[in-house]
Amino acid sequence: MTIAEPSTPVQHEAEHGDHPPFIAHHFEDANHQFESGKLGMWIFLVTEILFFSGMFCAYAVYRSMHPEIFSYAAQFLDSKLGGINTVVLICSSLTAAWSVRCAQLGQRKGLILTLALTIIGAFGFLGIKYVEYSHKFHDGLLPGKYYQVQSESVADVGLAPSVTGAEGDAATTEADSGAAGAHAAVEDEHAGSHAPAEGPEPDNVKIFFGIYFAMTGVHGLHVIIGIGVYIWLLFRAIRGDFRPDYYGPVDFTALYWHLVDLIWIFLFPLLYLIH
């Protein structure tokens, strides 16, 4: 004689012919579906790590070949904004993990709140990154053929009011003798948080900004994708789709968001702090 083990609510529904709507037909039960989904998510995250590893390898190769370029170009990155963005992403990772716990406990209001906070943090990250990108576009710090020599373009802007009328020749001569000082002053005024560059500009600085925009741009794309998924989760949470025996989508998305956070934690010191 055997004693039957107590069945879970999902097993009880299945035994009585009431198949839970959130369990796909090819899974035995909710646990089977959750474990399969989590395995699939981990496999996907491994491919993401391999994808970013290629860019990290390119960074390492070019930095070892041209260390002077990275040392010079890093002066134009704002470590304060990068640090704030790091804090914002870490806080959003906290709310993402908190949302999983709320889903596990069936706390619907807490789940909605933490999902909303995660979305706000993601938008905050993109907003700060927009400010950084705006400075780069304004100063001509762009990759490839779009890179512009600042010492020429900025000096022209700063001295334009003086080079007029009969004093044009004298002003031009003065501009040639003081180009470095004018460049530093105008750069400080228009670039905001960008400090004046130190030392002569090496060749092919555009290589650094090509790597910078590639790595931060692809990372930003992953943030945008995460926002889209979290908005979808928020609508489902408001509708009441998640419960203690079904919270897989919240858990899987949080794993993805933690990876996005982790990648930025590597990008921040490599691009902003190591000169």
Protein backbone atom coordinates (compact mmCIF):
# COMPACT_ATOMS: atom_id res chain seq x y z
CA MET A 1 0.00 0.00 0.00
CA THR A 2 1.41 3.37 -1.02
CA ILE A 3 0.55 6.79 0.29
CA ALA A 4 -0.06 9.39 -2.39
CA GLU A 5 1.93 12.60 -2.11
CA PRO A 6 -0.06 15.84 -1.81
CA SER A 7 -0.56 17.43 -5.20
CA THR A 8 0.18 21.05 -6.07
CA PRO A 9 -2.63 23.35 -7.27
CA VAL A 10 -1.43 22.97 -10.85
CA GLN A 11 -1.32 19.16 -10.57
CA HIS A 12 -4.78 19.19 -8.99
CA GLU A 13 -6.13 21.25 -11.90
CA ALA A 14 -4.54 18.90 -14.40
CA GLU A 15 -5.91 15.78 -12.67
CA HIS A 16 -9.43 17.15 -12.85
CA GLY A 17 -9.17 18.10 -16.50
CA ASP A 18 -8.74 21.82 -15.86
CA HIS A 19 -5.49 22.52 -17.71
CA PRO A 20 -3.89 25.79 -16.58
CA PRO A 21 -3.83 28.21 -19.50
CA PHE A 22 -0.23 29.28 -18.91
CA ILE A 23 1.18 25.76 -19.38
CA ALA A 24 1.95 24.87 -22.99
CA HIS A 25 0.61 21.53 -24.17
CA HIS A 26 4.10 20.01 -24.67
CA PHE A 27 5.07 20.42 -20.99
CA GLU A 28 4.09 18.03 -18.24
CA ASP A 29 3.57 20.65 -15.56
CA ALA A 30 4.49 24.20 -14.51
CA ASN A 31 7.85 23.16 -13.09
CA HIS A 32 8.80 21.39 -16.32
CA GLN A 33 7.92 24.51 -18.30
CA PHE A 34 9.84 26.81 -15.94
CA GLU A 35 13.01 24.72 -15.96
CA SER A 36 12.94 24.39 -19.75
CA GLY A 37 12.45 28.12 -20.16
CA LYS A 38 15.28 28.94 -17.78
CA LEU A 39 17.65 26.57 -19.59
CA GLY A 40 16.76 28.22 -22.88
CA MET A 41 17.36 31.65 -21.36
CA TRP A 42 20.80 30.68 -20.10
CA ILE A 43 21.72 29.36 -23.55
CA PHE A 44 20.63 32.66 -25.05
CA LEU A 45 22.69 34.61 -22.51
CA VAL A 46 25.76 32.54 -23.38
CA THR A 47 25.37 33.56 -27.03
CA GLU A 48 25.07 37.19 -25.90
CA ILE A 49 28.31 36.87 -23.93
CA LEU A 50 30.04 35.43 -27.01
CA PHE A 51 28.67 38.30 -29.09
CA PHE A 52 30.04 40.98 -26.76
CA SER A 53 33.28 39.05 -26.33
CA GLY A 54 34.16 39.81 -29.95
CA MET A 55 33.95 43.54 -29.27
CA PHE A 56 35.94 43.21 -26.06
CA CYS A 57 38.64 41.35 -28.01
CA ALA A 58 38.70 44.15 -30.61
CA TYR A 59 39.07 46.65 -27.79
CA ALA A 60 41.99 44.72 -26.30
CA VAL A 61 43.77 44.34 -29.65
CA TYR A 62 43.45 47.98 -30.69
CA ARG A 63 44.37 49.25 -27.25
CA SER A 64 47.54 47.16 -27.21
CA MET A 65 48.43 48.41 -30.70
CA HIS A 66 47.54 52.09 -30.16
CA PRO A 67 47.66 52.92 -26.43
CA GLU A 68 48.30 56.61 -27.14
CA ILE A 69 44.99 56.89 -29.00
CA PHE A 70 43.00 55.50 -26.07
CA SER A 71 44.84 57.65 -23.54
CA TYR A 72 44.17 60.80 -25.56
CA ALA A 73 40.56 60.12 -26.57
CA ALA A 74 39.46 59.02 -23.08
CA GLN A 75 39.84 62.66 -21.99
CA PHE A 76 36.69 63.49 -23.94
CA LEU A 77 34.52 61.01 -22.00
CA ASP A 78 32.64 62.19 -18.92
CA SER A 79 33.37 59.75 -16.11
CA LYS A 80 30.78 61.44 -13.88
CA LEU A 81 27.94 60.74 -16.29
CA GLY A 82 29.27 57.23 -16.82
CA GLY A 83 29.36 56.68 -13.04
CA ILE A 84 25.80 57.97 -12.63
CA ASN A 85 24.66 55.61 -15.38
CA THR A 86 26.37 52.74 -13.57
CA VAL A 87 24.47 53.52 -10.37
CA VAL A 88 21.21 53.82 -12.31
CA LEU A 89 21.68 50.40 -13.92
CA ILE A 90 22.63 48.75 -10.63
CA CYS A 91 19.48 50.16 -9.00
CA SER A 92 17.38 48.91 -11.92
CA SER A 93 18.93 45.46 -11.48
CA LEU A 94 17.84 45.58 -7.85
CA THR A 95 14.25 46.38 -8.78
CA ALA A 96 14.35 43.67 -11.45
CA ALA A 97 15.36 41.06 -8.86
CA TRP A 98 12.76 42.45 -6.47
CA SER A 99 10.07 42.04 -9.13
CA VAL A 100 10.88 38.32 -9.34
CA ARG A 101 10.42 37.96 -5.60
CA CYS A 102 7.12 39.84 -5.71
CA ALA A 103 5.91 37.52 -8.48
CA GLN A 104 6.93 34.46 -6.46
CA LEU A 105 4.97 35.70 -3.44
CA GLY A 106 1.95 36.74 -5.47
CA GLN A 107 2.35 40.42 -4.51
CA ARG A 108 0.67 42.03 -7.49
CA LYS A 109 1.08 45.67 -6.40
CA GLY A 110 4.72 45.15 -5.55
CA LEU A 111 5.30 43.45 -8.89
CA ILE A 112 3.73 46.34 -10.79
CA LEU A 113 5.75 48.88 -8.80
CA THR A 114 9.11 47.15 -9.25
CA LEU A 115 8.53 46.58 -12.97
CA ALA A 116 7.69 50.27 -13.39
CA LEU A 117 10.80 51.31 -11.45
CA THR A 118 12.96 49.09 -13.64
CA ILE A 119 11.53 50.73 -16.76
CA ILE A 120 12.14 54.20 -15.30
CA GLY A 121 15.75 53.27 -14.53
CA ALA A 122 16.24 52.02 -18.10
CA PHE A 123 14.86 55.26 -19.54
CA GLY A 124 17.10 57.20 -17.16
CA PHE A 125 20.13 55.34 -18.48
CA LEU A 126 19.20 56.14 -22.07
CA GLY A 127 18.57 59.79 -21.21
CA ILE A 128 22.05 60.20 -19.75
CA LYS A 129 23.55 58.37 -22.71
CA TYR A 130 21.69 60.78 -25.03
CA VAL A 131 23.39 63.71 -23.28
CA GLU A 132 26.79 62.06 -23.78
CA TYR A 133 26.12 61.32 -27.44
CA SER A 134 24.95 64.90 -28.00
CA HIS A 135 28.30 66.20 -26.73
CA LYS A 136 30.14 63.85 -29.06
CA PHE A 137 28.13 64.92 -32.10
CA HIS A 138 28.54 68.60 -31.20
CA ASP A 139 32.32 68.27 -30.90
CA GLY A 140 32.74 66.06 -33.96
CA LEU A 141 33.99 63.12 -31.91
CA LEU A 142 32.57 60.51 -34.26
CA PRO A 143 33.89 57.28 -35.77
CA GLY A 144 35.43 56.83 -39.20
CA LYS A 145 35.22 59.55 -41.82
CA TYR A 146 32.81 61.56 -39.66
CA TYR A 147 35.52 62.41 -37.15
CA GLN A 148 36.42 66.12 -37.31
CA VAL A 149 39.56 67.82 -36.07
CA GLN A 150 38.39 69.96 -33.18
CA SER A 151 41.37 72.34 -33.16
CA GLU A 152 40.19 73.75 -36.50
CA SER A 153 36.41 73.74 -36.22
CA VAL A 154 36.19 74.98 -32.62
CA ALA A 155 38.78 77.71 -33.07
CA ASP A 156 36.92 79.05 -36.09
CA VAL A 157 33.70 79.26 -34.09
CA GLY A 158 35.40 81.05 -31.18
CA LEU A 159 37.15 83.65 -33.30
CA ALA A 160 34.43 84.33 -35.85
CA PRO A 161 33.20 87.60 -34.26
CA SER A 162 36.74 89.09 -34.33
CA VAL A 163 37.56 88.30 -37.95
CA THR A 164 35.48 91.04 -39.58
CA GLY A 165 36.04 94.31 -41.40
CA ALA A 166 39.42 96.01 -41.64
CA GLU A 167 40.78 94.09 -38.66
CA GLY A 168 40.47 90.78 -40.43
CA ASP A 169 44.17 90.29 -41.18
CA ALA A 170 45.28 91.21 -37.68
CA ALA A 171 42.66 88.96 -36.12
CA THR A 172 43.69 86.07 -38.36
CA THR A 173 47.32 86.46 -37.30
CA GLU A 174 46.28 86.53 -33.67
CA ALA A 175 44.11 83.46 -34.19
CA ASP A 176 47.07 81.51 -35.63
CA SER A 177 49.30 82.38 -32.68
CA GLY A 178 46.69 81.55 -30.05
CA ALA A 179 44.80 78.64 -31.65
CA ALA A 180 45.55 76.25 -28.81
CA GLY A 181 44.22 78.64 -26.15
CA ALA A 182 41.08 79.47 -28.12
CA HIS A 183 40.43 75.78 -28.71
CA ALA A 184 40.66 75.02 -25.00
CA ALA A 185 38.42 77.93 -23.97
CA VAL A 186 35.67 77.32 -26.50
CA GLU A 187 35.77 73.55 -25.95
CA ASP A 188 35.28 74.12 -22.23
CA GLU A 189 32.32 76.42 -22.94
CA HIS A 190 30.48 74.27 -25.47
CA ALA A 191 31.40 70.74 -24.44
CA GLY A 192 30.23 71.27 -20.89
CA SER A 193 31.72 68.40 -18.93
CA HIS A 194 34.50 67.70 -21.44
CA ALA A 195 37.91 68.84 -20.20
CA PRO A 196 40.37 70.37 -22.66
CA ALA A 197 42.55 67.75 -24.32
CA GLU A 198 46.08 67.38 -23.04
CA GLY A 199 49.01 66.79 -25.37
CA PRO A 200 49.15 66.60 -29.17
CA GLU A 201 46.43 64.69 -30.98
CA PRO A 202 47.68 61.32 -32.25
CA ASP A 203 46.73 59.90 -35.61
CA ASN A 204 43.58 57.82 -36.09
CA VAL A 205 41.73 58.95 -32.97
CA LYS A 206 38.63 57.90 -34.88
CA ILE A 207 39.53 54.27 -34.05
CA PHE A 208 38.72 54.88 -30.39
CA PHE A 209 35.39 56.51 -31.13
CA GLY A 210 34.52 53.74 -33.55
CA ILE A 211 34.98 51.22 -30.74
CA TYR A 212 33.22 53.51 -28.25
CA PHE A 213 30.10 53.94 -30.37
CA ALA A 214 30.04 50.28 -31.39
CA MET A 215 30.21 48.95 -27.84
CA THR A 216 27.98 51.52 -26.13
CA GLY A 217 25.59 51.59 -29.09
CA VAL A 218 25.02 47.83 -29.11
CA HIS A 219 24.65 47.91 -25.33
CA GLY A 220 22.11 50.72 -25.66
CA LEU A 221 20.18 48.63 -28.20
CA HIS A 222 19.97 45.85 -25.62
CA VAL A 223 18.64 48.37 -23.10
CA ILE A 224 15.91 49.41 -25.56
CA ILE A 225 14.97 45.77 -26.12
CA GLY A 226 14.82 45.27 -22.36
CA ILE A 227 12.48 48.27 -22.02
CA GLY A 228 10.15 46.77 -24.60
CA VAL A 229 10.03 43.43 -22.80
CA TYR A 230 9.51 45.06 -19.41
CA ILE A 231 6.63 47.15 -20.74
CA TRP A 232 5.06 43.92 -21.99
CA LEU A 233 5.55 42.36 -18.54
CA LEU A 234 4.03 45.43 -16.88
CA PHE A 235 0.86 45.15 -18.95
CA ARG A 236 0.60 41.46 -18.11
CA ALA A 237 1.18 42.16 -14.43
CA ILE A 238 -1.60 44.76 -14.43
CA ARG A 239 -3.84 42.20 -16.09
CA GLY A 240 -2.98 39.71 -13.35
CA ASP A 241 -1.32 37.03 -15.46
CA PHE A 242 1.40 36.15 -12.95
CA ARG A 243 0.99 34.13 -9.79
CA PRO A 244 3.24 32.10 -7.44
CA ASP A 245 3.15 29.04 -9.70
CA TYR A 246 3.70 31.08 -12.89
CA TYR A 247 6.36 33.80 -12.90
CA GLY A 248 8.78 32.46 -15.50
CA PRO A 249 8.70 35.48 -17.88
CA VAL A 250 9.54 37.84 -15.01
CA ASP A 251 12.44 35.65 -13.91
CA PHE A 252 13.84 35.17 -17.42
CA THR A 253 13.69 38.88 -18.24
CA ALA A 254 15.44 39.72 -14.97
CA LEU A 255 18.30 37.39 -15.96
CA TYR A 256 18.61 39.24 -19.26
CA TRP A 257 18.60 42.59 -17.47
CA HIS A 258 21.32 41.47 -15.07
CA LEU A 259 23.51 40.61 -18.07
CA VAL A 260 22.90 44.07 -19.57
CA ASP A 261 23.95 45.56 -16.23
CA LEU A 262 27.03 43.33 -16.00
CA ILE A 263 28.23 44.25 -19.48
CA TRP A 264 28.01 47.96 -18.65
CA ILE A 265 29.99 47.36 -15.45
CA PHE A 266 32.82 46.13 -17.72
CA LEU A 267 32.36 48.86 -20.32
CA PHE A 268 32.46 51.72 -17.82
CA PRO A 269 36.01 51.22 -16.47
CA LEU A 270 37.45 50.11 -19.83
CA LEU A 271 36.22 53.20 -21.68
CA TYR A 272 35.96 55.86 -19.00
CA LEU A 273 38.47 55.09 -16.26
CA ILE A 274 41.51 53.35 -17.76
CA HIS A 275 43.61 56.11 -19.38
